[in-house]
């Protein structure tokens, strides 16, 4: 039986890498992103893969947009095996200097966007879920949620909130065989981070430094853990927040 997955933030970064991985494993992937042009370009490169890619324009922070996206998904399938919420934004700045608009955008996309998407996906995940083959939700949180860092406090707070949503949903949905987990990456070499570094003079972004393993993460490092959370080997895991950080949080906590 074909498997179906929704990936938000599917146009670039971790979401794009996860999209490619799922397509390579014969999933039908509904890729959601605000950048529909980038999604359409991605569609052109998926013609020779085992899976099927369906790009859908969606602003995860908008309930109307999420509802419209899932109407399109429901027209194509009555079930989902997996939801991966990777859509996110980053804003830098001391908390006392951050604008209200930036603060709101962080929580609207990073936190509320995951809740809106999970709520919309839930009925389809419930159809697919069985005790032997649970359905899965995986949220992309951040190592920033596991240790304080000045200059990114509101971003970290939005991801802390996401980790609590992860844990509560894991308990609430456990008896329906829907497993809910999150990954918590440290710095990942994505287009977003590359742009922040290039614009550091105005963005104020500072890379925390390489991990104890001597490098920053690649998207594939995170995708590999997401693949595990979507697979049979994690069937007794729910409510977990897995750091994918090369030991960065452990190094900070050990000081």
C-alpha atoms as a PDB file:
ATOM      1  CA  UNK A   1       0.000   0.000   0.000  1.00  0.00           C
ATOM      2  CA  UNK A   2       1.286   3.438  -0.909  1.00  0.00           C
ATOM      3  CA  UNK A   3       2.201   5.701   1.988  1.00  0.00           C
ATOM      4  CA  UNK A   4       1.188   9.352   2.223  1.00  0.00           C
ATOM      5  CA  UNK A   5       3.021  12.175   3.996  1.00  0.00           C
ATOM      6  CA  UNK A   6       2.671  15.919   4.437  1.00  0.00           C
ATOM      7  CA  UNK A   7       5.824  18.007   4.785  1.00  0.00           C
ATOM      8  CA  UNK A   8       5.568  21.689   5.640  1.00  0.00           C
ATOM      9  CA  UNK A   9       8.411  24.014   4.737  1.00  0.00           C
ATOM     10  CA  UNK A  10       9.052  21.625   1.854  1.00  0.00           C
ATOM     11  CA  UNK A  11      10.611  24.203  -0.478  1.00  0.00           C
ATOM     12  CA  UNK A  12      14.020  24.434   1.187  1.00  0.00           C
ATOM     13  CA  UNK A  13      16.294  23.376   4.015  1.00  0.00           C
ATOM     14  CA  UNK A  14      15.341  20.454   6.249  1.00  0.00           C
ATOM     15  CA  UNK A  15      11.855  20.257   4.744  1.00  0.00           C
ATOM     16  CA  UNK A  16      13.228  19.925   1.227  1.00  0.00           C
ATOM     17  CA  UNK A  17      15.707  17.242   2.260  1.00  0.00           C
ATOM     18  CA  UNK A  18      12.980  15.328   4.084  1.00  0.00           C
ATOM     19  CA  UNK A  19      10.742  15.646   1.021  1.00  0.00           C
ATOM     20  CA  UNK A  20      13.449  14.130  -1.187  1.00  0.00           C
ATOM     21  CA  UNK A  21      14.046  11.303   1.283  1.00  0.00           C
ATOM     22  CA  UNK A  22      10.370  10.359   1.447  1.00  0.00           C
ATOM     23  CA  UNK A  23       9.984  10.487  -2.317  1.00  0.00           C
ATOM     24  CA  UNK A  24      12.992   8.205  -2.642  1.00  0.00           C
ATOM     25  CA  UNK A  25      11.174   5.740  -0.401  1.00  0.00           C
ATOM     26  CA  UNK A  26       8.054   5.763  -2.598  1.00  0.00           C
ATOM     27  CA  UNK A  27       5.861   8.012  -0.454  1.00  0.00           C
ATOM     28  CA  UNK A  28       3.285  10.284  -2.015  1.00  0.00           C
ATOM     29  CA  UNK A  29       4.395  13.616  -0.533  1.00  0.00           C
ATOM     30  CA  UNK A  30       2.225  16.689  -0.233  1.00  0.00           C
ATOM     31  CA  UNK A  31       4.743  19.518   0.010  1.00  0.00           C
ATOM     32  CA  UNK A  32       3.407  22.653   1.688  1.00  0.00           C
ATOM     33  CA  UNK A  33       5.179  25.992   1.569  1.00  0.00           C
ATOM     34  CA  UNK A  34       4.526  29.680   0.994  1.00  0.00           C
ATOM     35  CA  UNK A  35       7.062  29.604  -1.849  1.00  0.00           C
ATOM     36  CA  UNK A  36       4.944  27.841  -4.454  1.00  0.00           C
ATOM     37  CA  UNK A  37       7.365  28.723  -7.266  1.00  0.00           C
ATOM     38  CA  UNK A  38      10.187  26.898  -5.510  1.00  0.00           C
ATOM     39  CA  UNK A  39       7.874  23.942  -4.928  1.00  0.00           C
ATOM     40  CA  UNK A  40       6.987  23.834  -8.609  1.00  0.00           C
ATOM     41  CA  UNK A  41      10.675  23.870  -9.529  1.00  0.00           C
ATOM     42  CA  UNK A  42      11.174  20.983  -7.126  1.00  0.00           C
ATOM     43  CA  UNK A  43       8.339  19.122  -8.814  1.00  0.00           C
ATOM     44  CA  UNK A  44      10.245  19.169 -12.095  1.00  0.00           C
ATOM     45  CA  UNK A  45      13.112  17.254 -10.471  1.00  0.00           C
ATOM     46  CA  UNK A  46      10.942  14.477  -9.035  1.00  0.00           C
ATOM     47  CA  UNK A  47       9.867  12.729 -12.213  1.00  0.00           C
ATOM     48  CA  UNK A  48      12.373   9.889 -11.901  1.00  0.00           C
ATOM     49  CA  UNK A  49      11.836   9.044  -8.227  1.00  0.00           C
ATOM     50  CA  UNK A  50       9.718   6.197  -6.853  1.00  0.00           C
ATOM     51  CA  UNK A  51       7.283   8.495  -5.040  1.00  0.00           C
ATOM     52  CA  UNK A  52       4.880  11.185  -6.178  1.00  0.00           C
ATOM     53  CA  UNK A  53       5.216  14.867  -5.262  1.00  0.00           C
ATOM     54  CA  UNK A  54       2.219  17.183  -4.984  1.00  0.00           C
ATOM     55  CA  UNK A  55       3.120  20.837  -4.299  1.00  0.00           C
ATOM     56  CA  UNK A  56       0.577  22.948  -2.424  1.00  0.00           C
ATOM     57  CA  UNK A  57       0.832  26.632  -1.559  1.00  0.00           C
ATOM     58  CA  UNK A  58       0.250  27.111   2.162  1.00  0.00           C
ATOM     59  CA  UNK A  59       0.988  29.673   4.856  1.00  0.00           C
ATOM     60  CA  UNK A  60       1.185  27.531   7.981  1.00  0.00           C
ATOM     61  CA  UNK A  61       0.411  30.500  10.211  1.00  0.00           C
ATOM     62  CA  UNK A  62      -3.002  31.009   8.585  1.00  0.00           C
ATOM     63  CA  UNK A  63      -5.886  28.738   9.574  1.00  0.00           C
ATOM     64  CA  UNK A  64      -7.675  29.586   6.312  1.00  0.00           C
ATOM     65  CA  UNK A  65      -4.603  28.685   4.252  1.00  0.00           C
ATOM     66  CA  UNK A  66      -4.056  25.433   6.153  1.00  0.00           C
ATOM     67  CA  UNK A  67      -7.729  24.516   5.741  1.00  0.00           C
ATOM     68  CA  UNK A  68      -7.558  25.155   1.996  1.00  0.00           C
ATOM     69  CA  UNK A  69      -4.375  23.100   1.660  1.00  0.00           C
ATOM     70  CA  UNK A  70      -5.923  20.145   3.452  1.00  0.00           C
ATOM     71  CA  UNK A  71      -9.036  20.319   1.307  1.00  0.00           C
ATOM     72  CA  UNK A  72      -6.711  19.655  -1.633  1.00  0.00           C
ATOM     73  CA  UNK A  73      -5.049  16.816   0.262  1.00  0.00           C
ATOM     74  CA  UNK A  74      -8.400  15.239   1.166  1.00  0.00           C
ATOM     75  CA  UNK A  75      -9.362  15.321  -2.498  1.00  0.00           C
ATOM     76  CA  UNK A  76      -6.372  13.073  -3.209  1.00  0.00           C
ATOM     77  CA  UNK A  77      -6.372  10.725  -0.211  1.00  0.00           C
ATOM     78  CA  UNK A  78      -8.449   9.828   2.836  1.00  0.00           C
ATOM     79  CA  UNK A  79      -5.420   8.866   4.927  1.00  0.00           C
ATOM     80  CA  UNK A  80      -1.984  10.090   5.973  1.00  0.00           C
ATOM     81  CA  UNK A  81       0.826   8.012   7.399  1.00  0.00           C
ATOM     82  CA  UNK A  82       3.068  10.890   8.414  1.00  0.00           C
ATOM     83  CA  UNK A  83       3.187  14.612   9.076  1.00  0.00           C
ATOM     84  CA  UNK A  84       6.518  16.447   9.233  1.00  0.00           C
ATOM     85  CA  UNK A  85       6.289  20.089  10.323  1.00  0.00           C
ATOM     86  CA  UNK A  86       9.456  21.833   9.197  1.00  0.00           C
ATOM     87  CA  UNK A  87       8.128  25.296   8.324  1.00  0.00           C
ATOM     88  CA  UNK A  88       9.777  27.909  10.499  1.00  0.00           C
ATOM     89  CA  UNK A  89      11.224  31.393  10.715  1.00  0.00           C
ATOM     90  CA  UNK A  90      14.080  32.924  12.673  1.00  0.00           C
ATOM     91  CA  UNK A  91      14.312  36.441  14.045  1.00  0.00           C
ATOM     92  CA  UNK A  92      17.348  37.807  15.870  1.00  0.00           C
ATOM     93  CA  UNK A  93      17.561  40.491  18.477  1.00  0.00           C
ATOM     94  CA  UNK A  94      17.560  41.074  22.211  1.00  0.00           C
ATOM     95  CA  UNK A  95      14.129  40.575  23.704  1.00  0.00           C
ATOM     96  CA  UNK A  96      13.843  44.238  24.694  1.00  0.00           C
ATOM     97  CA  UNK A  97      14.647  45.314  21.131  1.00  0.00           C
ATOM     98  CA  UNK A  98      12.471  42.857  19.226  1.00  0.00           C
ATOM     99  CA  UNK A  99       9.468  44.278  17.420  1.00  0.00           C
ATOM    100  CA  UNK A 100       5.982  43.012  18.184  1.00  0.00           C
ATOM    101  CA  UNK A 101       5.616  41.965  14.541  1.00  0.00           C
ATOM    102  CA  UNK A 102       8.748  39.809  14.712  1.00  0.00           C
ATOM    103  CA  UNK A 103       7.669  38.297  18.023  1.00  0.00           C
ATOM    104  CA  UNK A 104       4.249  37.450  16.627  1.00  0.00           C
ATOM    105  CA  UNK A 105       5.646  35.937  13.428  1.00  0.00           C
ATOM    106  CA  UNK A 106       7.880  33.580  15.417  1.00  0.00           C
ATOM    107  CA  UNK A 107       4.995  32.166  17.415  1.00  0.00           C
ATOM    108  CA  UNK A 108       2.510  32.289  14.539  1.00  0.00           C
ATOM    109  CA  UNK A 109       4.696  30.126  12.293  1.00  0.00           C
ATOM    110  CA  UNK A 110       6.970  28.137  14.603  1.00  0.00           C
ATOM    111  CA  UNK A 111       4.342  27.246  17.183  1.00  0.00           C
ATOM    112  CA  UNK A 112       0.788  27.943  16.047  1.00  0.00           C
ATOM    113  CA  UNK A 113       1.614  26.791  12.515  1.00  0.00           C
ATOM    114  CA  UNK A 114       2.533  23.327  13.789  1.00  0.00           C
ATOM    115  CA  UNK A 115      -0.639  23.143  15.874  1.00  0.00           C
ATOM    116  CA  UNK A 116      -2.840  24.256  12.981  1.00  0.00           C
ATOM    117  CA  UNK A 117      -1.247  21.726  10.645  1.00  0.00           C
ATOM    118  CA  UNK A 118      -1.405  18.911  13.179  1.00  0.00           C
ATOM    119  CA  UNK A 119      -5.067  19.675  13.843  1.00  0.00           C
ATOM    120  CA  UNK A 120      -5.853  19.574  10.129  1.00  0.00           C
ATOM    121  CA  UNK A 121      -3.854  16.377   9.565  1.00  0.00           C
ATOM    122  CA  UNK A 122      -5.255  14.543  12.587  1.00  0.00           C
ATOM    123  CA  UNK A 123      -8.403  13.075  10.975  1.00  0.00           C
ATOM    124  CA  UNK A 124      -6.359  11.645   8.091  1.00  0.00           C
ATOM    125  CA  UNK A 125      -3.657  10.287  10.400  1.00  0.00           C
ATOM    126  CA  UNK A 126      -6.337   8.664  12.543  1.00  0.00           C
ATOM    127  CA  UNK A 127      -7.657   6.742   9.525  1.00  0.00           C
ATOM    128  CA  UNK A 128      -4.216   5.302   8.763  1.00  0.00           C
ATOM    129  CA  UNK A 129      -3.135   4.574  12.340  1.00  0.00           C
ATOM    130  CA  UNK A 130      -3.182   1.069  13.785  1.00  0.00           C
ATOM    131  CA  UNK A 131      -1.475  -0.365  16.838  1.00  0.00           C
ATOM    132  CA  UNK A 132       0.777  -2.431  14.575  1.00  0.00           C
ATOM    133  CA  UNK A 133       1.541   0.478  12.220  1.00  0.00           C
ATOM    134  CA  UNK A 134       1.135   3.802  14.047  1.00  0.00           C
ATOM    135  CA  UNK A 135       0.823   7.083  12.198  1.00  0.00           C
ATOM    136  CA  UNK A 136       3.470   9.695  12.967  1.00  0.00           C
ATOM    137  CA  UNK A 137       3.843  13.393  13.627  1.00  0.00           C
ATOM    138  CA  UNK A 138       7.345  14.857  13.722  1.00  0.00           C
ATOM    139  CA  UNK A 139       7.960  18.508  14.571  1.00  0.00           C
ATOM    140  CA  UNK A 140      11.214  20.325  13.847  1.00  0.00           C
ATOM    141  CA  UNK A 141      11.976  22.139  17.098  1.00  0.00           C
ATOM    142  CA  UNK A 142      15.438  23.480  17.920  1.00  0.00           C
ATOM    143  CA  UNK A 143      18.369  23.018  20.261  1.00  0.00           C
ATOM    144  CA  UNK A 144      17.607  26.631  21.208  1.00  0.00           C
ATOM    145  CA  UNK A 145      14.639  25.214  23.127  1.00  0.00           C
ATOM    146  CA  UNK A 146      17.026  23.164  25.281  1.00  0.00           C
ATOM    147  CA  UNK A 147      19.487  25.876  26.292  1.00  0.00           C
ATOM    148  CA  UNK A 148      19.250  29.673  26.583  1.00  0.00           C
ATOM    149  CA  UNK A 149      20.972  31.874  24.023  1.00  0.00           C
ATOM    150  CA  UNK A 150      20.952  35.654  24.012  1.00  0.00           C
ATOM    151  CA  UNK A 151      19.943  37.314  20.786  1.00  0.00           C
ATOM    152  CA  UNK A 152      17.369  34.682  19.951  1.00  0.00           C
ATOM    153  CA  UNK A 153      15.161  34.517  23.015  1.00  0.00           C
ATOM    154  CA  UNK A 154      11.800  34.819  21.281  1.00  0.00           C
ATOM    155  CA  UNK A 155      12.772  32.211  18.683  1.00  0.00           C
ATOM    156  CA  UNK A 156      13.836  29.866  21.491  1.00  0.00           C
ATOM    157  CA  UNK A 157      10.599  30.510  23.365  1.00  0.00           C
ATOM    158  CA  UNK A 158       8.547  29.617  20.285  1.00  0.00           C
ATOM    159  CA  UNK A 159      10.434  26.336  20.032  1.00  0.00           C
ATOM    160  CA  UNK A 160      10.100  25.630  23.764  1.00  0.00           C
ATOM    161  CA  UNK A 161       6.356  25.992  23.305  1.00  0.00           C
ATOM    162  CA  UNK A 162       6.553  23.549  20.400  1.00  0.00           C
ATOM    163  CA  UNK A 163       8.313  20.951  22.561  1.00  0.00           C
ATOM    164  CA  UNK A 164       5.477  21.162  25.079  1.00  0.00           C
ATOM    165  CA  UNK A 165       2.894  20.816  22.318  1.00  0.00           C
ATOM    166  CA  UNK A 166       4.819  17.727  21.202  1.00  0.00           C
ATOM    167  CA  UNK A 167       4.677  16.132  24.643  1.00  0.00           C
ATOM    168  CA  UNK A 168       1.032  16.929  25.291  1.00  0.00           C
ATOM    169  CA  UNK A 169      -0.094  15.713  21.867  1.00  0.00           C
ATOM    170  CA  UNK A 170       1.931  12.538  22.369  1.00  0.00           C
ATOM    171  CA  UNK A 171      -0.104  11.717  25.468  1.00  0.00           C
ATOM    172  CA  UNK A 172      -3.429  12.877  24.045  1.00  0.00           C
ATOM    173  CA  UNK A 173      -3.059  10.807  20.861  1.00  0.00           C
ATOM    174  CA  UNK A 174      -1.325   7.726  22.278  1.00  0.00           C
ATOM    175  CA  UNK A 175      -4.512   5.681  22.536  1.00  0.00           C
ATOM    176  CA  UNK A 176      -5.204   6.412  18.863  1.00  0.00           C
ATOM    177  CA  UNK A 177      -1.838   4.985  17.737  1.00  0.00           C
ATOM    178  CA  UNK A 178      -0.461   8.331  16.589  1.00  0.00           C
ATOM    179  CA  UNK A 179       3.131   8.853  17.702  1.00  0.00           C
ATOM    180  CA  UNK A 180       4.278  12.442  18.205  1.00  0.00           C
ATOM    181  CA  UNK A 181       7.971  13.333  18.485  1.00  0.00           C
ATOM    182  CA  UNK A 182      10.306  16.220  17.699  1.00  0.00           C
ATOM    183  CA  UNK A 183      13.855  16.748  16.553  1.00  0.00           C
ATOM    184  CA  UNK A 184      15.869  19.618  18.011  1.00  0.00           C
ATOM    185  CA  UNK A 185      18.669  20.603  15.622  1.00  0.00           C
ATOM    186  CA  UNK A 186      21.423  23.046  16.439  1.00  0.00           C
ATOM    187  CA  UNK A 187      22.814  25.165  13.574  1.00  0.00           C
ATOM    188  CA  UNK A 188      22.042  23.531  10.231  1.00  0.00           C
ATOM    189  CA  UNK A 189      23.625  24.575   6.934  1.00  0.00           C
ATOM    190  CA  UNK A 190      20.410  25.657   5.204  1.00  0.00           C
ATOM    191  CA  UNK A 191      19.644  28.561   2.838  1.00  0.00           C
ATOM    192  CA  UNK A 192      18.028  30.392   5.771  1.00  0.00           C
ATOM    193  CA  UNK A 193      21.174  30.169   7.894  1.00  0.00           C
ATOM    194  CA  UNK A 194      23.386  30.998   4.920  1.00  0.00           C
ATOM    195  CA  UNK A 195      21.386  34.175   4.311  1.00  0.00           C
ATOM    196  CA  UNK A 196      21.493  35.146   7.983  1.00  0.00           C
ATOM    197  CA  UNK A 197      25.270  34.728   8.006  1.00  0.00           C
ATOM    198  CA  UNK A 198      25.662  36.721   4.780  1.00  0.00           C
ATOM    199  CA  UNK A 199      23.512  39.511   6.222  1.00  0.00           C
ATOM    200  CA  UNK A 200      25.060  39.348   9.691  1.00  0.00           C
ATOM    201  CA  UNK A 201      25.865  43.054   9.675  1.00  0.00           C
ATOM    202  CA  UNK A 202      22.144  43.864   9.571  1.00  0.00           C
ATOM    203  CA  UNK A 203      20.560  40.643  10.818  1.00  0.00           C
ATOM    204  CA  UNK A 204      22.689  40.472  13.956  1.00  0.00           C
ATOM    205  CA  UNK A 205      22.921  36.707  13.568  1.00  0.00           C
ATOM    206  CA  UNK A 206      25.865  34.925  15.140  1.00  0.00           C
ATOM    207  CA  UNK A 207      26.611  31.248  14.651  1.00  0.00           C
ATOM    208  CA  UNK A 208      26.976  29.596  18.036  1.00  0.00           C
ATOM    209  CA  UNK A 209      30.097  27.841  16.809  1.00  0.00           C
ATOM    210  CA  UNK A 210      30.803  24.369  15.566  1.00  0.00           C
ATOM    211  CA  UNK A 211      29.677  21.434  17.651  1.00  0.00           C
ATOM    212  CA  UNK A 212      31.996  19.183  19.676  1.00  0.00           C
ATOM    213  CA  UNK A 213      31.995  16.988  16.567  1.00  0.00           C
ATOM    214  CA  UNK A 214      33.748  19.819  14.730  1.00  0.00           C
ATOM    215  CA  UNK A 215      31.091  20.947  12.262  1.00  0.00           C
ATOM    216  CA  UNK A 216      27.565  22.278  11.896  1.00  0.00           C
ATOM    217  CA  UNK A 217      24.810  19.945  10.787  1.00  0.00           C
ATOM    218  CA  UNK A 218      23.766  19.270   7.229  1.00  0.00           C
ATOM    219  CA  UNK A 219      20.044  18.875   6.478  1.00  0.00           C
ATOM    220  CA  UNK A 220      20.636  15.167   5.864  1.00  0.00           C
ATOM    221  CA  UNK A 221      21.798  14.766   9.487  1.00  0.00           C
ATOM    222  CA  UNK A 222      18.358  15.886  10.643  1.00  0.00           C
ATOM    223  CA  UNK A 223      16.476  13.967   7.965  1.00  0.00           C
ATOM    224  CA  UNK A 224      18.159  10.753   9.094  1.00  0.00           C
ATOM    225  CA  UNK A 225      16.673  11.151  12.572  1.00  0.00           C
ATOM    226  CA  UNK A 226      13.271  12.062  11.134  1.00  0.00           C
ATOM    227  CA  UNK A 227      13.462   8.904   9.017  1.00  0.00           C
ATOM    228  CA  UNK A 228      14.064   6.918  12.207  1.00  0.00           C
ATOM    229  CA  UNK A 229      11.073   8.567  13.906  1.00  0.00           C
ATOM    230  CA  UNK A 230       8.880   7.678  10.926  1.00  0.00           C
ATOM    231  CA  UNK A 231      10.072   4.071  10.833  1.00  0.00           C
ATOM    232  CA  UNK A 232       9.368   0.784  12.579  1.00  0.00           C
ATOM    233  CA  UNK A 233      12.384   1.016  14.891  1.00  0.00           C
ATOM    234  CA  UNK A 234      10.787   3.932  16.785  1.00  0.00           C
ATOM    235  CA  UNK A 235       7.369   2.322  17.267  1.00  0.00           C
ATOM    236  CA  UNK A 236       7.663   2.537  21.086  1.00  0.00           C
ATOM    237  CA  UNK A 237       8.713   6.187  21.098  1.00  0.00           C
ATOM    238  CA  UNK A 238       6.376   9.115  21.593  1.00  0.00           C
ATOM    239  CA  UNK A 239       6.782  12.453  23.326  1.00  0.00           C
ATOM    240  CA  UNK A 240      10.542  12.470  22.700  1.00  0.00           C
ATOM    241  CA  UNK A 241      12.574  15.589  21.892  1.00  0.00           C
ATOM    242  CA  UNK A 242      15.740  14.375  20.161  1.00  0.00           C
ATOM    243  CA  UNK A 243      18.706  16.780  19.937  1.00  0.00           C
ATOM    244  CA  UNK A 244      20.491  16.623  16.586  1.00  0.00           C
ATOM    245  CA  UNK A 245      23.296  18.930  17.572  1.00  0.00           C
ATOM    246  CA  UNK A 246      26.650  17.169  17.533  1.00  0.00           C
ATOM    247  CA  UNK A 247      26.794  17.402  21.315  1.00  0.00           C
ATOM    248  CA  UNK A 248      26.289  21.175  21.483  1.00  0.00           C
ATOM    249  CA  UNK A 249      23.686  21.146  24.250  1.00  0.00           C
ATOM    250  CA  UNK A 250      25.683  18.618  26.289  1.00  0.00           C
ATOM    251  CA  UNK A 251      28.796  20.784  25.966  1.00  0.00           C
ATOM    252  CA  UNK A 252      26.948  23.898  27.145  1.00  0.00           C
ATOM    253  CA  UNK A 253      25.289  22.132  30.061  1.00  0.00           C
ATOM    254  CA  UNK A 254      28.604  20.627  31.164  1.00  0.00           C
ATOM    255  CA  UNK A 255      30.285  24.023  31.578  1.00  0.00           C
END
